Amino acid sequence: MPAAIERLSKRLPRLRVRLEQGTASHQFNLLRQRQCEIVISRLLTETPDSDIEMQPLFYESLVVVAGPQSSWSRRRKLTLSELVDVPWILSTLEAESGSPFVEAFRAAKLSIPAATIFSNSLHLRISLLATGRYLTLVPGSALQFGPGADLLKALPVALPRWHLPTAIFTLKGRMLSPVAQVFANCIRDVAKPLA
């Protein structure tokens, strides 16, 4: 999202963007109430609601990260078995069955690490990673495009991608305004390297 906004703001300096964060159901309700035109999110169920149109962009990867000062960040090789008892910061979705994190540990026949801290806040995660004690997960797209990437050190641990795509969601039968269409096209262009 930040890369698309930056690209468009150079092209359309008078552009005004309003971003709303929240759960998928909250975001879809904003579509239904016509308070927004598009939602960019990862699909959380196998199919969207019948009134929602989906255009897949990419399948998000998850990256295991530590703070740059962490002893983990100096390791060239790591196995999942070494990470079972580490203090983890996870979101509830990352700790649920079906997440790439859980599936990787299950496939390796290992116990699923317990989260020491549950949070969706990237700011909190980055702040706590600076202590060197914790590991967390970040979307590969956030590591590539997001702020603070220099505060994160990707660890050499491979996880599968999410099996549900990150997509553009719109209300079926609703024509997008020209500006929303330009924004959606820009999102598609920015997301191409992640596909």
N, C-alpha and C. Protein backbone atom coordinates (compact mmCIF):
# COMPACT_ATOMS: atom_id res chain seq x y z
N MET A 1 0.82 -1.20 0.00
CA MET A 1 0.00 0.00 0.00
C MET A 1 0.87 1.27 0.00
N PRO A 2 1.88 1.37 0.87
CA PRO A 2 2.69 2.60 0.85
C PRO A 2 3.37 2.83 -0.51
N ALA A 3 3.85 1.77 -1.15
CA ALA A 3 4.51 1.93 -2.45
C ALA A 3 3.53 2.44 -3.50
N ALA A 4 2.32 1.93 -3.48
CA ALA A 4 1.31 2.38 -4.45
C ALA A 4 0.91 3.83 -4.19
N ILE A 5 0.73 4.18 -2.94
CA ILE A 5 0.35 5.56 -2.61
C ILE A 5 1.46 6.52 -3.03
N GLU A 6 2.71 6.15 -2.76
CA GLU A 6 3.83 7.00 -3.14
C GLU A 6 3.90 7.17 -4.65
N ARG A 7 3.73 6.09 -5.38
CA ARG A 7 3.77 6.14 -6.85
C ARG A 7 2.65 7.04 -7.39
N LEU A 8 1.45 6.87 -6.85
CA LEU A 8 0.31 7.67 -7.33
C LEU A 8 0.41 9.13 -6.92
N SER A 9 0.94 9.40 -5.73
CA SER A 9 1.01 10.79 -5.27
C SER A 9 1.96 11.61 -6.14
N LYS A 10 2.94 10.97 -6.75
CA LYS A 10 3.83 11.68 -7.67
C LYS A 10 3.09 11.98 -8.97
N ARG A 11 2.27 11.04 -9.40
CA ARG A 11 1.53 11.19 -10.65
C ARG A 11 0.32 12.10 -10.49
N LEU A 12 -0.33 12.01 -9.32
CA LEU A 12 -1.54 12.79 -9.03
C LEU A 12 -1.36 13.53 -7.71
N PRO A 13 -0.63 14.64 -7.70
CA PRO A 13 -0.27 15.30 -6.44
C PRO A 13 -1.46 15.77 -5.60
N ARG A 14 -2.63 15.92 -6.21
CA ARG A 14 -3.80 16.38 -5.45
C ARG A 14 -4.64 15.21 -4.95
N LEU A 15 -4.19 14.00 -5.18
CA LEU A 15 -4.91 12.80 -4.76
C LEU A 15 -5.05 12.76 -3.23
N ARG A 16 -6.23 12.40 -2.78
CA ARG A 16 -6.49 12.21 -1.35
C ARG A 16 -6.87 10.75 -1.15
N VAL A 17 -6.21 10.11 -0.20
CA VAL A 17 -6.44 8.70 0.08
C VAL A 17 -6.86 8.57 1.54
N ARG A 18 -7.88 7.79 1.77
CA ARG A 18 -8.30 7.49 3.15
C ARG A 18 -8.15 5.98 3.34
N LEU A 19 -7.36 5.60 4.33
CA LEU A 19 -7.14 4.19 4.63
C LEU A 19 -7.83 3.83 5.93
N GLU A 20 -8.48 2.70 5.93
CA GLU A 20 -9.13 2.18 7.13
C GLU A 20 -8.55 0.80 7.40
N GLN A 21 -8.17 0.57 8.62
CA GLN A 21 -7.68 -0.75 9.01
C GLN A 21 -8.75 -1.45 9.81
N GLY A 22 -8.66 -2.75 9.86
CA GLY A 22 -9.62 -3.51 10.65
C GLY A 22 -9.73 -4.92 10.12
N THR A 23 -10.63 -5.66 10.71
CA THR A 23 -10.84 -7.04 10.28
C THR A 23 -11.45 -7.06 8.88
N ALA A 24 -11.38 -8.21 8.24
CA ALA A 24 -11.95 -8.34 6.90
C ALA A 24 -13.45 -8.03 6.92
N SER A 25 -14.16 -8.49 7.94
CA SER A 25 -15.60 -8.23 7.99
C SER A 25 -15.87 -6.73 8.12
N HIS A 26 -15.07 -6.02 8.92
CA HIS A 26 -15.21 -4.56 9.04
C HIS A 26 -14.96 -3.89 7.69
N GLN A 27 -13.91 -4.31 7.00
CA GLN A 27 -13.58 -3.72 5.71
C GLN A 27 -14.67 -4.00 4.68
N PHE A 28 -15.20 -5.21 4.66
CA PHE A 28 -16.27 -5.54 3.71
C PHE A 28 -17.54 -4.75 4.02
N ASN A 29 -17.79 -4.50 5.31
CA ASN A 29 -18.94 -3.66 5.67
C ASN A 29 -18.77 -2.23 5.15
N LEU A 30 -17.53 -1.73 5.15
CA LEU A 30 -17.28 -0.40 4.58
C LEU A 30 -17.60 -0.39 3.10
N LEU A 31 -17.30 -1.49 2.40
CA LEU A 31 -17.68 -1.59 0.98
C LEU A 31 -19.20 -1.56 0.84
N ARG A 32 -19.86 -2.37 1.63
CA ARG A 32 -21.33 -2.47 1.54
C ARG A 32 -22.02 -1.14 1.87
N GLN A 33 -21.44 -0.42 2.82
CA GLN A 33 -22.01 0.87 3.22
C GLN A 33 -21.54 2.00 2.29
N ARG A 34 -20.79 1.64 1.28
CA ARG A 34 -20.27 2.59 0.28
C ARG A 34 -19.41 3.68 0.92
N GLN A 35 -18.69 3.30 1.97
CA GLN A 35 -17.75 4.22 2.60
C GLN A 35 -16.35 4.05 2.02
N CYS A 36 -16.15 2.99 1.24
CA CYS A 36 -14.91 2.82 0.50
C CYS A 36 -15.24 2.06 -0.79
N GLU A 37 -14.31 2.14 -1.74
CA GLU A 37 -14.55 1.51 -3.03
C GLU A 37 -13.79 0.20 -3.21
N ILE A 38 -12.62 0.12 -2.61
CA ILE A 38 -11.83 -1.12 -2.73
C ILE A 38 -11.23 -1.48 -1.39
N VAL A 39 -11.01 -2.76 -1.21
CA VAL A 39 -10.32 -3.28 -0.04
C VAL A 39 -9.15 -4.11 -0.55
N ILE A 40 -7.99 -3.91 0.06
CA ILE A 40 -6.82 -4.74 -0.24
C ILE A 40 -6.57 -5.54 1.02
N SER A 41 -6.67 -6.86 0.91
CA SER A 41 -6.54 -7.71 2.09
C SER A 41 -6.22 -9.13 1.66
N ARG A 42 -5.79 -9.92 2.61
CA ARG A 42 -5.65 -11.35 2.36
C ARG A 42 -6.99 -11.99 2.62
N LEU A 43 -7.41 -12.85 1.72
CA LEU A 43 -8.66 -13.58 1.89
C LEU A 43 -8.54 -14.48 3.11
N LEU A 44 -9.54 -14.46 3.98
CA LEU A 44 -9.46 -15.24 5.22
C LEU A 44 -10.33 -16.49 5.19
N THR A 45 -11.19 -16.62 4.20
CA THR A 45 -12.00 -17.83 4.04
C THR A 45 -11.81 -18.32 2.62
N GLU A 46 -12.23 -19.53 2.34
CA GLU A 46 -12.01 -20.10 1.02
C GLU A 46 -12.65 -19.29 -0.10
N THR A 47 -13.78 -18.67 0.16
CA THR A 47 -14.43 -17.83 -0.85
C THR A 47 -14.97 -16.58 -0.18
N PRO A 48 -14.95 -15.46 -0.90
CA PRO A 48 -15.53 -14.25 -0.32
C PRO A 48 -17.06 -14.35 -0.30
N ASP A 49 -17.69 -13.46 0.43
CA ASP A 49 -19.15 -13.40 0.46
C ASP A 49 -19.68 -13.21 -0.96
N SER A 50 -20.92 -13.63 -1.18
CA SER A 50 -21.49 -13.63 -2.53
C SER A 50 -21.62 -12.24 -3.15
N ASP A 51 -21.63 -11.19 -2.34
CA ASP A 51 -21.74 -9.84 -2.89
C ASP A 51 -20.39 -9.16 -3.09
N ILE A 52 -19.31 -9.90 -2.85
CA ILE A 52 -17.97 -9.35 -2.94
C ILE A 52 -17.23 -9.97 -4.13
N GLU A 53 -16.63 -9.13 -4.94
CA GLU A 53 -15.80 -9.57 -6.07
C GLU A 53 -14.34 -9.56 -5.64
N MET A 54 -13.60 -10.59 -6.06
CA MET A 54 -12.19 -10.71 -5.67
C MET A 54 -11.31 -10.80 -6.91
N GLN A 55 -10.20 -10.05 -6.90
CA GLN A 55 -9.18 -10.13 -7.94
C GLN A 55 -7.86 -10.44 -7.25
N PRO A 56 -7.42 -11.72 -7.27
CA PRO A 56 -6.18 -12.10 -6.58
C PRO A 56 -4.97 -11.33 -7.10
N LEU A 57 -4.09 -10.98 -6.19
CA LEU A 57 -2.85 -10.28 -6.54
C LEU A 57 -1.64 -11.20 -6.38
N PHE A 58 -1.52 -11.82 -5.20
CA PHE A 58 -0.37 -12.69 -4.92
C PHE A 58 -0.67 -13.51 -3.68
N TYR A 59 0.16 -14.52 -3.44
CA TYR A 59 0.08 -15.34 -2.23
C TYR A 59 1.23 -14.89 -1.33
N GLU A 60 0.86 -14.32 -0.21
CA GLU A 60 1.83 -13.71 0.70
C GLU A 60 2.74 -14.74 1.33
N SER A 61 4.02 -14.41 1.40
CA SER A 61 4.96 -15.23 2.14
C SER A 61 5.08 -14.67 3.55
N LEU A 62 5.47 -15.51 4.48
CA LEU A 62 5.78 -15.06 5.83
C LEU A 62 7.28 -15.25 6.04
N VAL A 63 7.90 -14.26 6.66
CA VAL A 63 9.33 -14.29 6.89
C VAL A 63 9.57 -14.25 8.40
N VAL A 64 10.43 -15.15 8.88
CA VAL A 64 10.83 -15.14 10.29
C VAL A 64 11.91 -14.07 10.43
N VAL A 65 11.70 -13.15 11.38
CA VAL A 65 12.66 -12.05 11.56
C VAL A 65 13.06 -11.89 13.02
N ALA A 66 14.24 -11.30 13.18
CA ALA A 66 14.76 -10.93 14.49
C ALA A 66 15.24 -9.49 14.39
N GLY A 67 15.58 -8.91 15.51
CA GLY A 67 16.21 -7.60 15.50
C GLY A 67 17.63 -7.73 15.02
N PRO A 68 18.20 -6.68 14.43
CA PRO A 68 19.56 -6.78 13.88
C PRO A 68 20.63 -7.08 14.93
N GLN A 69 20.36 -6.76 16.20
CA GLN A 69 21.33 -7.03 17.25
C GLN A 69 21.15 -8.40 17.90
N SER A 70 20.13 -9.13 17.50
CA SER A 70 19.84 -10.43 18.09
C SER A 70 20.91 -11.45 17.70
N SER A 71 21.18 -12.36 18.62
CA SER A 71 22.12 -13.45 18.30
C SER A 71 21.59 -14.30 17.15
N TRP A 72 20.27 -14.36 17.01
CA TRP A 72 19.68 -15.13 15.91
C TRP A 72 20.03 -14.52 14.56
N SER A 73 20.19 -13.21 14.50
CA SER A 73 20.42 -12.54 13.21
C SER A 73 21.80 -12.83 12.63
N ARG A 74 22.69 -13.38 13.43
CA ARG A 74 24.02 -13.71 12.93
C ARG A 74 24.12 -15.15 12.42
N ARG A 75 23.06 -15.90 12.58
CA ARG A 75 23.08 -17.31 12.17
C ARG A 75 22.90 -17.44 10.67
N ARG A 76 23.70 -18.30 10.05
CA ARG A 76 23.58 -18.54 8.61
C ARG A 76 22.68 -19.73 8.31
N LYS A 77 22.53 -20.61 9.28
CA LYS A 77 21.64 -21.76 9.13
C LYS A 77 20.81 -21.90 10.38
N LEU A 78 19.54 -22.20 10.18
CA LEU A 78 18.62 -22.44 11.30
C LEU A 78 17.66 -23.54 10.91
N THR A 79 17.27 -24.31 11.90
CA THR A 79 16.22 -25.30 11.68
C THR A 79 15.02 -24.92 12.54
N LEU A 80 13.87 -25.37 12.14
CA LEU A 80 12.66 -25.08 12.93
C LEU A 80 12.79 -25.64 14.35
N SER A 81 13.46 -26.75 14.50
CA SER A 81 13.58 -27.35 15.84
C SER A 81 14.31 -26.43 16.81
N GLU A 82 15.19 -25.57 16.30
CA GLU A 82 15.90 -24.63 17.16
C GLU A 82 15.01 -23.47 17.62
N LEU A 83 13.86 -23.32 16.98
CA LEU A 83 13.01 -22.16 17.24
C LEU A 83 11.76 -22.48 18.05
N VAL A 84 11.61 -23.71 18.48
CA VAL A 84 10.39 -24.12 19.20
C VAL A 84 10.24 -23.38 20.52
N ASP A 85 11.32 -23.22 21.27
CA ASP A 85 11.22 -22.64 22.61
C ASP A 85 11.61 -21.16 22.69
N VAL A 86 11.69 -20.51 21.57
CA VAL A 86 12.07 -19.09 21.51
C VAL A 86 10.85 -18.24 21.89
N PRO A 87 11.04 -17.08 22.53
CA PRO A 87 9.91 -16.17 22.76
C PRO A 87 9.44 -15.57 21.43
N TRP A 88 8.21 -15.87 21.05
CA TRP A 88 7.63 -15.43 19.79
C TRP A 88 6.61 -14.33 20.01
N ILE A 89 6.56 -13.39 19.06
CA ILE A 89 5.48 -12.41 18.98
C ILE A 89 4.68 -12.80 17.74
N LEU A 90 3.42 -13.16 17.93
CA LEU A 90 2.58 -13.63 16.83
C LEU A 90 1.24 -12.91 16.83
N SER A 91 0.61 -12.88 15.68
CA SER A 91 -0.79 -12.45 15.62
C SER A 91 -1.65 -13.70 15.77
N THR A 92 -2.91 -13.50 16.09
CA THR A 92 -3.79 -14.67 16.25
C THR A 92 -3.90 -15.46 14.96
N LEU A 93 -3.92 -14.79 13.79
CA LEU A 93 -4.00 -15.50 12.52
C LEU A 93 -2.76 -16.34 12.24
N GLU A 94 -1.61 -15.88 12.68
CA GLU A 94 -0.37 -16.62 12.46
C GLU A 94 -0.30 -17.87 13.33
N ALA A 95 -1.01 -17.85 14.46
CA ALA A 95 -0.98 -18.98 15.39
C ALA A 95 -2.11 -19.97 15.15
N GLU A 96 -3.02 -19.66 14.21
CA GLU A 96 -4.16 -20.54 13.95
C GLU A 96 -3.77 -21.68 13.02
N SER A 97 -4.50 -22.76 13.15
CA SER A 97 -4.32 -23.88 12.25
C SER A 97 -4.50 -23.41 10.81
N GLY A 98 -3.63 -23.87 9.93
CA GLY A 98 -3.70 -23.47 8.53
C GLY A 98 -2.73 -22.36 8.17
N SER A 99 -2.17 -21.67 9.17
CA SER A 99 -1.20 -20.62 8.84
C SER A 99 0.11 -21.28 8.40
N PRO A 100 0.89 -20.60 7.57
CA PRO A 100 2.17 -21.18 7.14
C PRO A 100 3.08 -21.51 8.32
N PHE A 101 3.04 -20.70 9.36
CA PHE A 101 3.86 -20.92 10.56
C PHE A 101 3.50 -22.25 11.21
N VAL A 102 2.22 -22.45 11.47
CA VAL A 102 1.75 -23.69 12.11
C VAL A 102 2.00 -24.89 11.20
N GLU A 103 1.70 -24.73 9.92
CA GLU A 103 1.87 -25.84 8.99
C GLU A 103 3.33 -26.27 8.85
N ALA A 104 4.26 -25.32 8.88
CA ALA A 104 5.68 -25.66 8.79
C ALA A 104 6.13 -26.50 9.98
N PHE A 105 5.70 -26.12 11.18
CA PHE A 105 6.08 -26.89 12.37
C PHE A 105 5.41 -28.26 12.37
N ARG A 106 4.15 -28.32 11.95
CA ARG A 106 3.46 -29.62 11.86
C ARG A 106 4.14 -30.54 10.87
N ALA A 107 4.50 -30.00 9.70
CA ALA A 107 5.16 -30.81 8.67
C ALA A 107 6.49 -31.36 9.17
N ALA A 108 7.17 -30.60 10.04
CA ALA A 108 8.43 -31.05 10.62
C ALA A 108 8.22 -31.93 11.85
N LYS A 109 6.93 -32.20 12.18
CA LYS A 109 6.56 -33.01 13.35
C LYS A 109 7.13 -32.43 14.65
N LEU A 110 7.00 -31.10 14.75
CA LEU A 110 7.46 -30.38 15.94
C LEU A 110 6.28 -29.74 16.65
N SER A 111 6.47 -29.45 17.92
CA SER A 111 5.45 -28.71 18.67
C SER A 111 5.34 -27.31 18.09
N ILE A 112 4.12 -26.79 18.11
CA ILE A 112 3.91 -25.43 17.64
C ILE A 112 4.38 -24.48 18.75
N PRO A 113 5.28 -23.55 18.44
CA PRO A 113 5.74 -22.63 19.48
C PRO A 113 4.58 -21.81 20.06
N ALA A 114 4.63 -21.61 21.35
CA ALA A 114 3.62 -20.79 22.00
C ALA A 114 4.04 -19.32 21.89
N ALA A 115 3.10 -18.47 21.59
CA ALA A 115 3.40 -17.04 21.51
C ALA A 115 3.58 -16.48 22.92
N THR A 116 4.64 -15.74 23.10
CA THR A 116 4.84 -15.02 24.35
C THR A 116 3.96 -13.78 24.35
N ILE A 117 3.83 -13.17 23.16
CA ILE A 117 3.04 -11.96 22.99
C ILE A 117 2.19 -12.11 21.73
N PHE A 118 0.91 -11.77 21.85
CA PHE A 118 0.02 -11.71 20.69
C PHE A 118 -0.20 -10.24 20.35
N SER A 119 0.08 -9.87 19.09
CA SER A 119 -0.16 -8.50 18.66
C SER A 119 -0.16 -8.43 17.14
N ASN A 120 -1.02 -7.57 16.60
CA ASN A 120 -1.01 -7.28 15.17
C ASN A 120 -0.19 -6.04 14.85
N SER A 121 0.32 -5.39 15.86
CA SER A 121 1.03 -4.12 15.68
C SER A 121 2.47 -4.35 15.22
N LEU A 122 2.77 -3.93 13.99
CA LEU A 122 4.14 -4.03 13.49
C LEU A 122 5.06 -3.13 14.30
N HIS A 123 4.55 -1.97 14.72
CA HIS A 123 5.35 -1.05 15.54
C HIS A 123 5.79 -1.73 16.85
N LEU A 124 4.86 -2.40 17.52
CA LEU A 124 5.20 -3.10 18.76
C LEU A 124 6.22 -4.21 18.49
N ARG A 125 6.01 -4.95 17.43
CA ARG A 125 6.93 -6.04 17.10
C ARG A 125 8.35 -5.51 16.87
N ILE A 126 8.46 -4.46 16.06
CA ILE A 126 9.79 -3.91 15.79
C ILE A 126 10.44 -3.39 17.07
N SER A 127 9.66 -2.74 17.91
CA SER A 127 10.20 -2.22 19.18
C SER A 127 10.72 -3.35 20.06
N LEU A 128 9.96 -4.44 20.16
CA LEU A 128 10.39 -5.55 21.00
C LEU A 128 11.53 -6.35 20.37
N LEU A 129 11.59 -6.40 19.05
CA LEU A 129 12.71 -7.09 18.40
C LEU A 129 14.03 -6.41 18.73
N ALA A 130 13.99 -5.12 18.97
CA ALA A 130 15.22 -4.37 19.29
C ALA A 130 15.87 -4.88 20.58
N THR A 131 15.10 -5.55 21.44
CA THR A 131 15.68 -6.09 22.68
C THR A 131 16.55 -7.30 22.41
N GLY A 132 16.37 -7.92 21.24
CA GLY A 132 17.16 -9.11 20.90
C GLY A 132 16.59 -10.41 21.43
N ARG A 133 15.52 -10.34 22.20
CA ARG A 133 14.97 -11.55 22.84
C ARG A 133 13.96 -12.30 21.98
N TYR A 134 13.26 -11.59 21.11
CA TYR A 134 12.09 -12.16 20.44
C TYR A 134 12.33 -12.44 18.97
N LEU A 135 11.49 -13.32 18.45
CA LEU A 135 11.36 -13.52 17.01
C LEU A 135 9.91 -13.24 16.65
N THR A 136 9.68 -12.87 15.42
CA THR A 136 8.33 -12.66 14.95
C THR A 136 8.26 -12.98 13.47
N LEU A 137 7.08 -12.82 12.92
CA LEU A 137 6.84 -13.03 11.50
C LEU A 137 6.38 -11.73 10.90
N VAL A 138 6.82 -11.47 9.69
CA VAL A 138 6.29 -10.33 8.94
C VAL A 138 5.97 -10.80 7.54
N PRO A 139 4.97 -10.20 6.92
CA PRO A 139 4.70 -10.53 5.53
C PRO A 139 5.90 -10.15 4.66
N GLY A 140 6.19 -10.98 3.68
CA GLY A 140 7.29 -10.68 2.77
C GLY A 140 7.10 -9.33 2.09
N SER A 141 5.85 -8.97 1.80
CA SER A 141 5.59 -7.68 1.16
C SER A 141 5.96 -6.52 2.08
N ALA A 142 5.72 -6.67 3.38
CA ALA A 142 6.08 -5.61 4.33
C ALA A 142 7.59 -5.49 4.44
N LEU A 143 8.28 -6.62 4.37
CA LEU A 143 9.74 -6.59 4.44
C LEU A 143 10.31 -5.92 3.19
N GLN A 144 9.68 -6.15 2.04
CA GLN A 144 10.15 -5.57 0.79
C GLN A 144 9.78 -4.09 0.65
N PHE A 145 8.54 -3.73 1.03
CA PHE A 145 8.06 -2.37 0.79
C PHE A 145 7.87 -1.53 2.04
N GLY A 146 7.78 -2.16 3.20
CA GLY A 146 7.38 -1.45 4.41
C GLY A 146 8.47 -0.64 5.05
N PRO A 147 8.06 0.29 5.91
CA PRO A 147 9.04 1.08 6.66
C PRO A 147 9.67 0.22 7.74
N GLY A 148 10.86 0.55 8.11
CA GLY A 148 11.51 -0.17 9.20
C GLY A 148 12.15 -1.48 8.79
N ALA A 149 12.26 -1.74 7.49
CA ALA A 149 12.87 -3.00 7.05
C ALA A 149 14.31 -3.11 7.53
N ASP A 150 14.99 -1.97 7.71
CA ASP A 150 16.37 -2.00 8.20
C ASP A 150 16.43 -2.37 9.68
N LEU A 151 15.29 -2.36 10.36
CA LEU A 151 15.23 -2.76 11.77
C LEU A 151 14.94 -4.24 11.94
N LEU A 152 14.79 -4.94 10.81
CA LEU A 152 14.45 -6.35 10.83
C LEU A 152 15.52 -7.15 10.09
N LYS A 153 15.84 -8.31 10.60
CA LYS A 153 16.79 -9.20 9.95
C LYS A 153 16.06 -10.50 9.63
N ALA A 154 15.89 -10.78 8.33
CA ALA A 154 15.25 -12.02 7.92
C ALA A 154 16.16 -13.18 8.28
N LEU A 155 15.58 -14.22 8.85
CA LEU A 155 16.35 -15.40 9.25
C LEU A 155 16.23 -16.48 8.18
N PRO A 156 17.24 -17.33 8.07
CA PRO A 156 17.25 -18.36 7.03
C PRO A 156 16.34 -19.55 7.36
N VAL A 157 15.04 -19.28 7.42
CA VAL A 157 14.04 -20.30 7.70
C VAL A 157 12.96 -20.18 6.64
N ALA A 158 12.70 -21.27 5.95
CA ALA A 158 11.69 -21.24 4.88
C ALA A 158 10.33 -21.66 5.43
N LEU A 159 9.32 -20.85 5.15
CA LEU A 159 7.94 -21.17 5.50
C LEU A 159 7.13 -21.21 4.20
N PRO A 160 6.08 -22.02 4.16
CA PRO A 160 5.22 -21.98 2.96
C PRO A 160 4.48 -20.66 2.89
N ARG A 161 3.91 -20.38 1.72
CA ARG A 161 3.10 -19.17 1.55
C ARG A 161 1.69 -19.43 2.10
N TRP A 162 0.94 -18.33 2.36
CA TRP A 162 -0.47 -18.47 2.71
C TRP A 162 -1.17 -19.13 1.54
N HIS A 163 -2.11 -20.01 1.80
CA HIS A 163 -2.81 -20.69 0.70
C HIS A 163 -3.98 -19.88 0.17
N LEU A 164 -4.32 -18.79 0.83
CA LEU A 164 -5.36 -17.88 0.34
C LEU A 164 -4.70 -16.59 -0.11
N PRO A 165 -5.14 -16.01 -1.22
CA PRO A 165 -4.42 -14.86 -1.79
C PRO A 165 -4.71 -13.53 -1.11
N THR A 166 -3.76 -12.63 -1.26
CA THR A 166 -4.00 -11.22 -1.02
C THR A 166 -4.65 -10.71 -2.29
N ALA A 167 -5.70 -9.93 -2.15
CA ALA A 167 -6.50 -9.58 -3.32
C ALA A 167 -7.08 -8.18 -3.20
N ILE A 168 -7.60 -7.72 -4.33
CA ILE A 168 -8.41 -6.51 -4.37
C ILE A 168 -9.86 -6.97 -4.30
N PHE A 169 -10.60 -6.39 -3.36
CA PHE A 169 -12.01 -6.73 -3.20
C PHE A 169 -12.86 -5.50 -3.52
N THR A 170 -13.93 -5.75 -4.26
CA THR A 170 -14.88 -4.69 -4.58
C THR A 170 -16.29 -5.25 -4.39
N LEU A 171 -17.25 -4.37 -4.38
CA LEU A 171 -18.65 -4.79 -4.29
C LEU A 171 -19.12 -5.18 -5.69
N LYS A 172 -19.71 -6.36 -5.81
CA LYS A 172 -20.19 -6.82 -7.12
C LYS A 172 -21.21 -5.83 -7.67
N GLY A 173 -21.09 -5.56 -8.97
CA GLY A 173 -22.05 -4.69 -9.64
C GLY A 173 -21.80 -3.21 -9.43
N ARG A 174 -20.80 -2.86 -8.64
CA ARG A 174 -20.52 -1.43 -8.40
C ARG A 174 -19.36 -1.00 -9.29
N MET A 175 -19.58 0.01 -10.10
CA MET A 175 -18.50 0.56 -10.91
C MET A 175 -17.58 1.41 -10.05
N LEU A 176 -16.30 1.22 -10.25
CA LEU A 176 -15.34 2.04 -9.51
C LEU A 176 -15.25 3.43 -10.14
N SER A 177 -15.00 4.40 -9.29
CA SER A 177 -14.74 5.75 -9.80
C SER A 177 -13.42 5.70 -10.57
N PRO A 178 -13.18 6.67 -11.45
CA PRO A 178 -11.92 6.68 -12.19
C PRO A 178 -10.69 6.67 -11.28
N VAL A 179 -10.75 7.41 -10.18
CA VAL A 179 -9.60 7.45 -9.25
C VAL A 179 -9.39 6.09 -8.59
N ALA A 180 -10.47 5.44 -8.17
CA ALA A 180 -10.34 4.11 -7.56
C ALA A 180 -9.80 3.10 -8.57
N GLN A 181 -10.20 3.23 -9.83
CA GLN A 181 -9.70 2.34 -10.87
C GLN A 181 -8.20 2.54 -11.09
N VAL A 182 -7.76 3.80 -11.10
CA VAL A 182 -6.33 4.10 -11.24
C VAL A 182 -5.57 3.53 -10.05
N PHE A 183 -6.14 3.68 -8.84
CA PHE A 183 -5.50 3.14 -7.64
C PHE A 183 -5.39 1.62 -7.71
N ALA A 184 -6.46 0.95 -8.11
CA ALA A 184 -6.45 -0.51 -8.23
C ALA A 184 -5.40 -0.96 -9.26
N ASN A 185 -5.31 -0.25 -10.37
CA ASN A 185 -4.30 -0.58 -11.38
C ASN A 185 -2.89 -0.41 -10.83
N CYS A 186 -2.68 0.62 -10.05
CA CYS A 186 -1.38 0.86 -9.44
C CYS A 186 -1.04 -0.25 -8.45
N ILE A 187 -2.02 -0.66 -7.65
CA ILE A 187 -1.81 -1.77 -6.71
C ILE A 187 -1.39 -3.02 -7.47
N ARG A 188 -2.06 -3.31 -8.59
CA ARG A 188 -1.70 -4.48 -9.41
C ARG A 188 -0.26 -4.39 -9.90
N ASP A 189 0.15 -3.21 -10.37
CA ASP A 189 1.51 -3.03 -10.87
C ASP A 189 2.55 -3.23 -9.75
N VAL A 190 2.28 -2.64 -8.59
CA VAL A 190 3.21 -2.76 -7.47
C VAL A 190 3.30 -4.21 -7.00
N ALA A 191 2.19 -4.95 -7.06
CA ALA A 191 2.15 -6.32 -6.55
C ALA A 191 2.75 -7.35 -7.51
N LYS A 192 2.97 -6.98 -8.77
CA LYS A 192 3.47 -7.95 -9.77
C LYS A 192 4.72 -8.70 -9.31
N PRO A 193 5.72 -8.04 -8.73
CA PRO A 193 6.92 -8.78 -8.31
C PRO A 193 6.64 -9.82 -7.21
N LEU A 194 5.52 -9.67 -6.51
CA LEU A 194 5.19 -10.59 -5.42
C LEU A 194 4.40 -11.80 -5.91
N ALA A 195 3.89 -11.73 -7.12
CA ALA A 195 3.02 -12.80 -7.64
C ALA A 195 3.82 -14.09 -7.88
